[in-house]
Amino acid sequence: MVTNIFRNPLRLLLSLALALQCSVLVFAADTLPVTLQSRMIGGQPETRIQSWNPAETAIIVCDMWDLHHCLNAVRREGEMVPRFNQFLENARAKGMLIIHAPSDCMKPYEGQPARKRAQNAPKAANLPAEIGIWCSKIPAEEKGVYPIDQSDGGEDDDPTEHQAWAEKLKGMGLNPRAPWTHQHKGLRIDQDLDAISDSGIEIWNLLYTKKMKNVMLCGVHVNMCVSGRPFGMRQLAKNGKNVVLVRDLTDSMYNPAKWPHVSHHEGTALFIAHAEKYICPSITSDQILGGKPFEFRPITGK
């Protein structure tokens, strides 16, 4: 028996249109709208919206170590961690790949499923020749002036407090200049879903194998490791990845005693603006997590 819907061509067309509309809505629900901020050479920010598939999006957590030679860096990282972990949990729940990259700290993770996931990724067909090395600058940056003086390493500790911190690290049996041993324990690693690596080659292979089209970089420090590591912004940008910085989940190594003699947070903002001009765009964590972007507490000198 022919149903009423097929006896009425108009009703049939309306039903097909409704079905098509519903399918579009379902597709839209599976995508992630992100607002990317970049800057013209003159410095003014501009935004554009892209629609990302979470299943094709990776987040690289750069050097969110347990300890650091700069005490103020440790304090600022501790401020970020609660929001940072919420960001990762939310992104993971949406289907994004989380890659934990605490450089020089792979030993504690050997044998773990998340570590093996990165190690066992097949070699990418498009593996860049220099993806395994540090990248200090890309050609686009030649157009501008580097925005901050970080020649002293960027430590902004009080000298007396810094010396006491170094002695404490020594007492713990650690190298005061490189005391990190693992990723901050406040950031959960999901052994069933995440990956762990500090290798540009492994991470590139993983991104290729998992068909990751978009990459978010977050962690520390934006003017050093986040930009320069083999898996950092410069390498990913110059090799054609759709990479963005999560600008509210990062910090810099900048000492206000150095040029341009602005506050630490202003120095961080200057470098982020530089990155938005010459390296890659940025987004904020609220685009994934909701709420408001993370902000550090005002600096009080301690």
C-alpha atoms as a PDB file:
ATOM      1  CA  MET A   1       0.000   0.000   0.000  1.00  0.00           C
ATOM      2  CA  VAL A   2       1.363   3.442  -0.910  1.00  0.00           C
ATOM      3  CA  THR A   3       1.586   5.688   2.124  1.00  0.00           C
ATOM      4  CA  ASN A   4       0.068   9.138   2.243  1.00  0.00           C
ATOM      5  CA  ILE A   5       3.457  10.827   2.077  1.00  0.00           C
ATOM      6  CA  PHE A   6       4.143   9.414  -1.376  1.00  0.00           C
ATOM      7  CA  ARG A   7       0.656  10.300  -2.630  1.00  0.00           C
ATOM      8  CA  ASN A   8       1.382  13.941  -1.889  1.00  0.00           C
ATOM      9  CA  PRO A   9       4.489  15.214  -3.746  1.00  0.00           C
ATOM     10  CA  LEU A  10       4.549  18.442  -1.740  1.00  0.00           C
ATOM     11  CA  ARG A  11       4.570  16.551   1.540  1.00  0.00           C
ATOM     12  CA  LEU A  12       7.357  14.342   0.193  1.00  0.00           C
ATOM     13  CA  LEU A  13       9.476  17.370  -0.700  1.00  0.00           C
ATOM     14  CA  LEU A  14       8.880  18.920   2.716  1.00  0.00           C
ATOM     15  CA  SER A  15       9.884  15.672   4.428  1.00  0.00           C
ATOM     16  CA  LEU A  16      13.081  15.432   2.382  1.00  0.00           C
ATOM     17  CA  ALA A  17      13.931  19.049   3.187  1.00  0.00           C
ATOM     18  CA  LEU A  18      13.393  18.396   6.905  1.00  0.00           C
ATOM     19  CA  ALA A  19      15.616  15.323   6.767  1.00  0.00           C
ATOM     20  CA  LEU A  20      18.325  17.297   5.016  1.00  0.00           C
ATOM     21  CA  GLN A  21      18.067  20.084   7.588  1.00  0.00           C
ATOM     22  CA  CYS A  22      18.385  17.580  10.434  1.00  0.00           C
ATOM     23  CA  SER A  23      21.465  16.009   8.841  1.00  0.00           C
ATOM     24  CA  VAL A  24      23.069  19.453   8.545  1.00  0.00           C
ATOM     25  CA  LEU A  25      22.332  20.144  12.204  1.00  0.00           C
ATOM     26  CA  VAL A  26      23.892  16.836  13.229  1.00  0.00           C
ATOM     27  CA  PHE A  27      26.988  17.631  11.175  1.00  0.00           C
ATOM     28  CA  ALA A  28      27.206  21.080  12.739  1.00  0.00           C
ATOM     29  CA  ALA A  29      26.992  19.573  16.215  1.00  0.00           C
ATOM     30  CA  ASP A  30      30.032  17.404  15.383  1.00  0.00           C
ATOM     31  CA  THR A  31      32.164  20.386  14.427  1.00  0.00           C
ATOM     32  CA  LEU A  32      33.944  22.940  16.563  1.00  0.00           C
ATOM     33  CA  PRO A  33      33.785  26.616  15.605  1.00  0.00           C
ATOM     34  CA  VAL A  34      37.016  28.361  16.602  1.00  0.00           C
ATOM     35  CA  THR A  35      37.874  32.038  16.354  1.00  0.00           C
ATOM     36  CA  LEU A  36      41.493  32.466  15.315  1.00  0.00           C
ATOM     37  CA  GLN A  37      43.287  35.701  16.126  1.00  0.00           C
ATOM     38  CA  SER A  38      46.201  36.872  14.022  1.00  0.00           C
ATOM     39  CA  ARG A  39      47.800  40.266  13.480  1.00  0.00           C
ATOM     40  CA  MET A  40      48.662  42.389  10.536  1.00  0.00           C
ATOM     41  CA  ILE A  41      52.261  43.535  10.311  1.00  0.00           C
ATOM     42  CA  GLY A  42      51.101  46.878  11.709  1.00  0.00           C
ATOM     43  CA  GLY A  43      49.984  45.126  14.873  1.00  0.00           C
ATOM     44  CA  GLN A  44      46.198  45.293  14.794  1.00  0.00           C
ATOM     45  CA  PRO A  45      44.477  41.989  15.657  1.00  0.00           C
ATOM     46  CA  GLU A  46      42.063  40.441  13.213  1.00  0.00           C
ATOM     47  CA  THR A  47      39.914  37.346  13.621  1.00  0.00           C
ATOM     48  CA  ARG A  48      38.485  34.670  11.405  1.00  0.00           C
ATOM     49  CA  ILE A  49      36.285  31.693  12.189  1.00  0.00           C
ATOM     50  CA  GLN A  50      37.102  28.144  11.181  1.00  0.00           C
ATOM     51  CA  SER A  51      35.081  24.986  11.718  1.00  0.00           C
ATOM     52  CA  TRP A  52      37.174  22.110  13.018  1.00  0.00           C
ATOM     53  CA  ASN A  53      36.362  18.437  13.385  1.00  0.00           C
ATOM     54  CA  PRO A  54      37.424  17.459  16.938  1.00  0.00           C
ATOM     55  CA  ALA A  55      38.371  13.993  15.676  1.00  0.00           C
ATOM     56  CA  GLU A  56      40.921  15.691  13.408  1.00  0.00           C
ATOM     57  CA  THR A  57      42.316  17.982  16.116  1.00  0.00           C
ATOM     58  CA  ALA A  58      45.267  17.413  18.451  1.00  0.00           C
ATOM     59  CA  ILE A  59      46.480  19.340  21.492  1.00  0.00           C
ATOM     60  CA  ILE A  60      50.191  19.318  22.335  1.00  0.00           C
ATOM     61  CA  VAL A  61      50.990  20.046  25.986  1.00  0.00           C
ATOM     62  CA  CYS A  62      54.488  21.521  25.939  1.00  0.00           C
ATOM     63  CA  ASP A  63      56.845  21.191  28.924  1.00  0.00           C
ATOM     64  CA  MET A  64      54.307  21.523  31.737  1.00  0.00           C
ATOM     65  CA  TRP A  65      56.933  20.134  34.081  1.00  0.00           C
ATOM     66  CA  ASP A  66      56.725  19.321  37.769  1.00  0.00           C
ATOM     67  CA  LEU A  67      59.575  21.747  38.590  1.00  0.00           C
ATOM     68  CA  HIS A  68      61.610  24.545  37.024  1.00  0.00           C
ATOM     69  CA  HIS A  69      64.799  26.464  37.810  1.00  0.00           C
ATOM     70  CA  CYS A  70      62.725  29.673  38.037  1.00  0.00           C
ATOM     71  CA  LEU A  71      60.546  29.704  41.145  1.00  0.00           C
ATOM     72  CA  ASN A  72      58.144  32.287  39.743  1.00  0.00           C
ATOM     73  CA  ALA A  73      57.692  30.072  36.677  1.00  0.00           C
ATOM     74  CA  VAL A  74      56.688  27.220  38.995  1.00  0.00           C
ATOM     75  CA  ARG A  75      54.195  29.468  40.753  1.00  0.00           C
ATOM     76  CA  ARG A  76      52.610  30.664  37.528  1.00  0.00           C
ATOM     77  CA  GLU A  77      52.375  27.144  36.180  1.00  0.00           C
ATOM     78  CA  GLY A  78      50.604  26.118  39.380  1.00  0.00           C
ATOM     79  CA  GLU A  79      48.054  28.860  38.794  1.00  0.00           C
ATOM     80  CA  MET A  80      47.344  27.541  35.302  1.00  0.00           C
ATOM     81  CA  VAL A  81      47.094  23.838  36.111  1.00  0.00           C
ATOM     82  CA  PRO A  82      43.456  23.614  37.328  1.00  0.00           C
ATOM     83  CA  ARG A  83      42.074  25.432  34.280  1.00  0.00           C
ATOM     84  CA  PHE A  84      44.583  23.641  32.052  1.00  0.00           C
ATOM     85  CA  ASN A  85      43.424  20.211  33.192  1.00  0.00           C
ATOM     86  CA  GLN A  86      39.763  21.149  32.737  1.00  0.00           C
ATOM     87  CA  PHE A  87      40.620  22.264  29.200  1.00  0.00           C
ATOM     88  CA  LEU A  88      42.255  18.926  28.418  1.00  0.00           C
ATOM     89  CA  GLU A  89      39.427  16.906  29.973  1.00  0.00           C
ATOM     90  CA  ASN A  90      36.839  18.798  27.956  1.00  0.00           C
ATOM     91  CA  ALA A  91      38.815  18.501  24.733  1.00  0.00           C
ATOM     92  CA  ARG A  92      39.347  14.778  25.292  1.00  0.00           C
ATOM     93  CA  ALA A  93      35.625  14.292  25.849  1.00  0.00           C
ATOM     94  CA  LYS A  94      34.989  16.002  22.501  1.00  0.00           C
ATOM     95  CA  GLY A  95      37.252  13.467  20.778  1.00  0.00           C
ATOM     96  CA  MET A  96      40.499  15.430  20.461  1.00  0.00           C
ATOM     97  CA  LEU A  97      43.891  13.753  20.721  1.00  0.00           C
ATOM     98  CA  ILE A  98      45.969  14.925  23.706  1.00  0.00           C
ATOM     99  CA  ILE A  99      49.748  14.667  23.314  1.00  0.00           C
ATOM    100  CA  HIS A 100      51.714  15.232  26.515  1.00  0.00           C
ATOM    101  CA  ALA A 101      55.209  16.502  25.710  1.00  0.00           C
ATOM    102  CA  PRO A 102      57.286  17.039  28.878  1.00  0.00           C
ATOM    103  CA  SER A 103      60.708  17.271  27.250  1.00  0.00           C
ATOM    104  CA  ASP A 104      63.619  15.276  28.702  1.00  0.00           C
ATOM    105  CA  CYS A 105      61.213  13.353  30.935  1.00  0.00           C
ATOM    106  CA  MET A 106      60.359  10.205  28.991  1.00  0.00           C
ATOM    107  CA  LYS A 107      61.944   7.712  31.385  1.00  0.00           C
ATOM    108  CA  PRO A 108      59.076   7.683  33.947  1.00  0.00           C
ATOM    109  CA  TYR A 109      56.622   6.892  31.142  1.00  0.00           C
ATOM    110  CA  GLU A 110      58.477   4.042  29.452  1.00  0.00           C
ATOM    111  CA  GLY A 111      56.229   1.038  28.919  1.00  0.00           C
ATOM    112  CA  GLN A 112      53.024   2.977  29.486  1.00  0.00           C
ATOM    113  CA  PRO A 113      50.320   2.654  26.790  1.00  0.00           C
ATOM    114  CA  ALA A 114      50.292   6.400  26.083  1.00  0.00           C
ATOM    115  CA  ARG A 115      54.059   6.387  25.576  1.00  0.00           C
ATOM    116  CA  LYS A 116      53.915   3.332  23.304  1.00  0.00           C
ATOM    117  CA  ARG A 117      51.139   4.970  21.281  1.00  0.00           C
ATOM    118  CA  ALA A 118      53.597   7.646  20.165  1.00  0.00           C
ATOM    119  CA  GLN A 119      56.567   5.327  19.766  1.00  0.00           C
ATOM    120  CA  ASN A 120      54.627   2.843  17.636  1.00  0.00           C
ATOM    121  CA  ALA A 121      53.177   5.345  15.167  1.00  0.00           C
ATOM    122  CA  PRO A 122      54.317   4.337  11.656  1.00  0.00           C
ATOM    123  CA  LYS A 123      56.701   6.626   9.805  1.00  0.00           C
ATOM    124  CA  ALA A 124      54.822   9.396   8.031  1.00  0.00           C
ATOM    125  CA  ALA A 125      55.029   9.562   4.265  1.00  0.00           C
ATOM    126  CA  ASN A 126      55.604  13.326   4.538  1.00  0.00           C
ATOM    127  CA  LEU A 127      58.121  13.397   7.414  1.00  0.00           C
ATOM    128  CA  PRO A 128      59.964  16.775   7.192  1.00  0.00           C
ATOM    129  CA  ALA A 129      63.760  16.581   7.008  1.00  0.00           C
ATOM    130  CA  GLU A 130      64.380  18.809  10.059  1.00  0.00           C
ATOM    131  CA  ILE A 131      61.407  17.917  12.246  1.00  0.00           C
ATOM    132  CA  GLY A 132      63.701  16.415  14.882  1.00  0.00           C
ATOM    133  CA  ILE A 133      65.583  19.612  15.733  1.00  0.00           C
ATOM    134  CA  TRP A 134      65.015  22.907  17.534  1.00  0.00           C
ATOM    135  CA  CYS A 135      63.788  25.810  15.391  1.00  0.00           C
ATOM    136  CA  SER A 136      64.896  29.260  16.587  1.00  0.00           C
ATOM    137  CA  LYS A 137      63.316  31.314  13.801  1.00  0.00           C
ATOM    138  CA  ILE A 138      61.307  30.959  10.622  1.00  0.00           C
ATOM    139  CA  PRO A 139      61.733  33.256   7.597  1.00  0.00           C
ATOM    140  CA  ALA A 140      58.540  35.211   8.319  1.00  0.00           C
ATOM    141  CA  GLU A 141      60.053  36.471  11.592  1.00  0.00           C
ATOM    142  CA  GLU A 142      62.789  38.258   9.659  1.00  0.00           C
ATOM    143  CA  LYS A 143      60.186  40.884   8.795  1.00  0.00           C
ATOM    144  CA  GLY A 144      59.893  42.054  12.404  1.00  0.00           C
ATOM    145  CA  VAL A 145      61.911  42.937  15.489  1.00  0.00           C
ATOM    146  CA  TYR A 146      62.043  40.332  18.250  1.00  0.00           C
ATOM    147  CA  PRO A 147      59.842  41.927  20.949  1.00  0.00           C
ATOM    148  CA  ILE A 148      61.676  41.111  24.200  1.00  0.00           C
ATOM    149  CA  ASP A 149      65.217  40.624  25.497  1.00  0.00           C
ATOM    150  CA  GLN A 150      65.436  37.112  26.922  1.00  0.00           C
ATOM    151  CA  SER A 151      69.227  36.895  26.826  1.00  0.00           C
ATOM    152  CA  ASP A 152      69.386  36.326  30.595  1.00  0.00           C
ATOM    153  CA  GLY A 153      67.131  33.278  30.331  1.00  0.00           C
ATOM    154  CA  GLY A 154      64.090  35.234  31.408  1.00  0.00           C
ATOM    155  CA  GLU A 155      64.249  34.450  35.136  1.00  0.00           C
ATOM    156  CA  ASP A 156      62.317  37.022  37.141  1.00  0.00           C
ATOM    157  CA  ASP A 157      62.884  35.660  40.660  1.00  0.00           C
ATOM    158  CA  ASP A 158      64.003  37.777  43.565  1.00  0.00           C
ATOM    159  CA  PRO A 159      67.767  36.957  43.764  1.00  0.00           C
ATOM    160  CA  THR A 160      67.681  35.906  47.421  1.00  0.00           C
ATOM    161  CA  GLU A 161      64.596  33.789  46.904  1.00  0.00           C
ATOM    162  CA  HIS A 162      66.073  32.287  43.753  1.00  0.00           C
ATOM    163  CA  GLN A 163      69.218  31.220  45.598  1.00  0.00           C
ATOM    164  CA  ALA A 164      67.148  29.598  48.333  1.00  0.00           C
ATOM    165  CA  TRP A 165      65.117  27.779  45.671  1.00  0.00           C
ATOM    166  CA  ALA A 166      68.297  26.484  44.012  1.00  0.00           C
ATOM    167  CA  GLU A 167      69.550  25.183  47.360  1.00  0.00           C
ATOM    168  CA  LYS A 168      66.231  23.450  47.964  1.00  0.00           C
ATOM    169  CA  LEU A 169      66.431  21.736  44.598  1.00  0.00           C
ATOM    170  CA  LYS A 170      69.971  20.599  45.350  1.00  0.00           C
ATOM    171  CA  GLY A 171      68.756  19.193  48.648  1.00  0.00           C
ATOM    172  CA  MET A 172      66.193  17.158  46.712  1.00  0.00           C
ATOM    173  CA  GLY A 173      69.010  15.633  44.672  1.00  0.00           C
ATOM    174  CA  LEU A 174      68.047  17.591  41.552  1.00  0.00           C
ATOM    175  CA  ASN A 175      69.985  19.751  39.116  1.00  0.00           C
ATOM    176  CA  PRO A 176      68.968  23.337  39.981  1.00  0.00           C
ATOM    177  CA  ARG A 177      69.289  24.347  36.319  1.00  0.00           C
ATOM    178  CA  ALA A 178      67.132  21.476  35.030  1.00  0.00           C
ATOM    179  CA  PRO A 179      65.145  19.993  37.921  1.00  0.00           C
ATOM    180  CA  TRP A 180      62.187  18.639  35.955  1.00  0.00           C
ATOM    181  CA  THR A 181      61.509  14.896  36.128  1.00  0.00           C
ATOM    182  CA  HIS A 182      57.957  14.452  34.761  1.00  0.00           C
ATOM    183  CA  GLN A 183      54.831  16.353  33.775  1.00  0.00           C
ATOM    184  CA  HIS A 184      52.907  18.212  36.458  1.00  0.00           C
ATOM    185  CA  LYS A 185      50.736  15.682  38.260  1.00  0.00           C
ATOM    186  CA  GLY A 186      47.779  18.062  38.125  1.00  0.00           C
ATOM    187  CA  LEU A 187      47.380  17.248  34.421  1.00  0.00           C
ATOM    188  CA  ARG A 188      45.735  13.855  34.009  1.00  0.00           C
ATOM    189  CA  ILE A 189      47.064  11.470  31.380  1.00  0.00           C
ATOM    190  CA  ASP A 190      44.498   9.071  29.924  1.00  0.00           C
ATOM    191  CA  GLN A 191      46.463   5.942  29.085  1.00  0.00           C
ATOM    192  CA  ASP A 192      43.678   4.664  26.818  1.00  0.00           C
ATOM    193  CA  LEU A 193      43.417   7.773  24.652  1.00  0.00           C
ATOM    194  CA  ASP A 194      46.399  10.129  25.052  1.00  0.00           C
ATOM    195  CA  ALA A 195      49.984   9.969  23.811  1.00  0.00           C
ATOM    196  CA  ILE A 196      53.303  10.894  25.446  1.00  0.00           C
ATOM    197  CA  SER A 197      56.379  12.037  23.528  1.00  0.00           C
ATOM    198  CA  ASP A 198      59.038  14.742  23.410  1.00  0.00           C
ATOM    199  CA  SER A 199      60.177  13.771  19.907  1.00  0.00           C
ATOM    200  CA  GLY A 200      59.320  15.905  16.921  1.00  0.00           C
ATOM    201  CA  ILE A 201      59.580  12.820  14.709  1.00  0.00           C
ATOM    202  CA  GLU A 202      57.288  10.687  16.859  1.00  0.00           C
ATOM    203  CA  ILE A 203      54.734  13.462  17.208  1.00  0.00           C
ATOM    204  CA  TRP A 204      54.714  14.202  13.476  1.00  0.00           C
ATOM    205  CA  ASN A 205      54.253  10.484  12.755  1.00  0.00           C
ATOM    206  CA  LEU A 206      51.397  10.358  15.239  1.00  0.00           C
ATOM    207  CA  LEU A 207      49.673  13.404  13.744  1.00  0.00           C
ATOM    208  CA  TYR A 208      49.984  11.839  10.289  1.00  0.00           C
ATOM    209  CA  THR A 209      48.773   8.386  11.353  1.00  0.00           C
ATOM    210  CA  LYS A 210      45.814   9.794  13.268  1.00  0.00           C
ATOM    211  CA  LYS A 211      44.988  12.160  10.367  1.00  0.00           C
ATOM    212  CA  MET A 212      45.187  15.252  12.552  1.00  0.00           C
ATOM    213  CA  LYS A 213      44.546  18.363  10.441  1.00  0.00           C
ATOM    214  CA  ASN A 214      44.552  20.903  13.302  1.00  0.00           C
ATOM    215  CA  VAL A 215      46.987  21.301  16.198  1.00  0.00           C
ATOM    216  CA  MET A 216      46.732  23.448  19.336  1.00  0.00           C
ATOM    217  CA  LEU A 217      49.899  24.289  21.277  1.00  0.00           C
ATOM    218  CA  CYS A 218      49.719  25.147  24.974  1.00  0.00           C
ATOM    219  CA  GLY A 219      52.120  25.025  27.887  1.00  0.00           C
ATOM    220  CA  VAL A 220      55.408  26.758  28.662  1.00  0.00           C
ATOM    221  CA  HIS A 221      57.264  28.792  27.753  1.00  0.00           C
ATOM    222  CA  VAL A 222      55.829  30.558  24.750  1.00  0.00           C
ATOM    223  CA  ASN A 223      58.980  32.451  23.700  1.00  0.00           C
ATOM    224  CA  MET A 224      61.194  29.413  24.144  1.00  0.00           C
ATOM    225  CA  CYS A 225      59.976  25.803  24.130  1.00  0.00           C
ATOM    226  CA  VAL A 226      56.423  26.323  22.836  1.00  0.00           C
ATOM    227  CA  SER A 227      57.838  28.114  19.803  1.00  0.00           C
ATOM    228  CA  GLY A 228      61.145  26.345  19.300  1.00  0.00           C
ATOM    229  CA  ARG A 229      60.788  22.670  20.186  1.00  0.00           C
ATOM    230  CA  PRO A 230      60.818  20.139  17.321  1.00  0.00           C
ATOM    231  CA  PHE A 231      57.077  19.772  17.935  1.00  0.00           C
ATOM    232  CA  GLY A 232      56.613  23.505  18.557  1.00  0.00           C
ATOM    233  CA  MET A 233      54.782  26.252  16.714  1.00  0.00           C
ATOM    234  CA  ARG A 234      57.554  27.143  14.285  1.00  0.00           C
ATOM    235  CA  GLN A 235      58.185  23.608  13.061  1.00  0.00           C
ATOM    236  CA  LEU A 236      54.491  22.843  12.665  1.00  0.00           C
ATOM    237  CA  ALA A 237      53.758  26.151  10.951  1.00  0.00           C
ATOM    238  CA  LYS A 238      56.639  26.012   8.492  1.00  0.00           C
ATOM    239  CA  ASN A 239      55.755  22.430   7.588  1.00  0.00           C
ATOM    240  CA  GLY A 240      52.158  23.232   6.747  1.00  0.00           C
ATOM    241  CA  LYS A 241      50.137  22.218   9.800  1.00  0.00           C
ATOM    242  CA  ASN A 242      47.063  24.249  10.742  1.00  0.00           C
ATOM    243  CA  VAL A 243      48.571  25.163  14.119  1.00  0.00           C
ATOM    244  CA  VAL A 244      47.346  27.656  16.731  1.00  0.00           C
ATOM    245  CA  LEU A 245      48.558  28.816  20.133  1.00  0.00           C
ATOM    246  CA  VAL A 246      46.173  28.643  23.095  1.00  0.00           C
ATOM    247  CA  ARG A 247      47.264  32.059  24.276  1.00  0.00           C
ATOM    248  CA  ASP A 248      45.713  32.051  27.757  1.00  0.00           C
ATOM    249  CA  LEU A 249      47.267  28.686  28.675  1.00  0.00           C
ATOM    250  CA  THR A 250      50.877  29.695  28.325  1.00  0.00           C
ATOM    251  CA  ASP A 251      53.532  31.808  30.037  1.00  0.00           C
ATOM    252  CA  SER A 252      56.864  33.295  29.024  1.00  0.00           C
ATOM    253  CA  MET A 253      60.385  33.444  30.353  1.00  0.00           C
ATOM    254  CA  TYR A 254      60.831  37.202  30.544  1.00  0.00           C
ATOM    255  CA  ASN A 255      62.536  39.344  33.157  1.00  0.00           C
ATOM    256  CA  PRO A 256      61.144  42.915  33.457  1.00  0.00           C
ATOM    257  CA  ALA A 257      64.670  44.125  34.214  1.00  0.00           C
ATOM    258  CA  LYS A 258      65.391  43.571  30.521  1.00  0.00           C
ATOM    259  CA  TRP A 259      64.190  45.493  27.453  1.00  0.00           C
ATOM    260  CA  PRO A 260      61.499  46.670  26.874  1.00  0.00           C
ATOM    261  CA  HIS A 261      61.215  46.975  30.692  1.00  0.00           C
ATOM    262  CA  VAL A 262      57.537  46.075  30.983  1.00  0.00           C
ATOM    263  CA  SER A 263      55.854  43.748  33.458  1.00  0.00           C
ATOM    264  CA  HIS A 264      56.273  40.007  33.048  1.00  0.00           C
ATOM    265  CA  HIS A 265      52.720  39.553  31.778  1.00  0.00           C
ATOM    266  CA  GLU A 266      53.123  42.449  29.345  1.00  0.00           C
ATOM    267  CA  GLY A 267      56.278  40.783  28.055  1.00  0.00           C
ATOM    268  CA  THR A 268      54.321  37.570  27.514  1.00  0.00           C
ATOM    269  CA  ALA A 269      51.654  39.504  25.611  1.00  0.00           C
ATOM    270  CA  LEU A 270      54.307  41.137  23.408  1.00  0.00           C
ATOM    271  CA  PHE A 271      55.666  37.780  22.356  1.00  0.00           C
ATOM    272  CA  ILE A 272      52.191  36.375  21.719  1.00  0.00           C
ATOM    273  CA  ALA A 273      51.514  39.363  19.441  1.00  0.00           C
ATOM    274  CA  HIS A 274      54.787  38.581  17.649  1.00  0.00           C
ATOM    275  CA  ALA A 275      53.692  34.964  17.187  1.00  0.00           C
ATOM    276  CA  GLU A 276      50.304  36.062  15.863  1.00  0.00           C
ATOM    277  CA  LYS A 277      52.043  38.216  13.256  1.00  0.00           C
ATOM    278  CA  TYR A 278      54.757  35.878  12.080  1.00  0.00           C
ATOM    279  CA  ILE A 279      54.226  32.283  13.279  1.00  0.00           C
ATOM    280  CA  CYS A 280      50.604  31.232  13.739  1.00  0.00           C
ATOM    281  CA  PRO A 281      47.219  32.464  15.006  1.00  0.00           C
ATOM    282  CA  SER A 282      45.956  32.013  18.549  1.00  0.00           C
ATOM    283  CA  ILE A 283      42.749  31.047  20.324  1.00  0.00           C
ATOM    284  CA  THR A 284      41.625  31.019  23.974  1.00  0.00           C
ATOM    285  CA  SER A 285      40.614  28.079  26.150  1.00  0.00           C
ATOM    286  CA  ASP A 286      37.017  29.223  26.573  1.00  0.00           C
ATOM    287  CA  GLN A 287      36.354  28.308  22.940  1.00  0.00           C
ATOM    288  CA  ILE A 288      36.724  24.667  23.964  1.00  0.00           C
ATOM    289  CA  LEU A 289      35.883  24.765  27.661  1.00  0.00           C
ATOM    290  CA  GLY A 290      33.447  27.634  27.989  1.00  0.00           C
ATOM    291  CA  GLY A 291      33.563  30.173  30.793  1.00  0.00           C
ATOM    292  CA  LYS A 292      36.181  32.909  30.594  1.00  0.00           C
ATOM    293  CA  PRO A 293      39.794  32.804  29.385  1.00  0.00           C
ATOM    294  CA  PHE A 294      42.353  32.112  32.095  1.00  0.00           C
ATOM    295  CA  GLU A 295      44.128  35.121  33.639  1.00  0.00           C
ATOM    296  CA  PHE A 296      47.087  35.117  36.000  1.00  0.00           C
ATOM    297  CA  ARG A 297      46.755  36.868  39.323  1.00  0.00           C
ATOM    298  CA  PRO A 298      48.268  40.358  39.411  1.00  0.00           C
ATOM    299  CA  ILE A 299      51.987  40.320  40.165  1.00  0.00           C
ATOM    300  CA  THR A 300      52.754  41.507  43.681  1.00  0.00           C
ATOM    301  CA  GLY A 301      56.483  40.917  43.673  1.00  0.00           C
ATOM    302  CA  LYS A 302      56.231  37.551  45.373  1.00  0.00           C
END
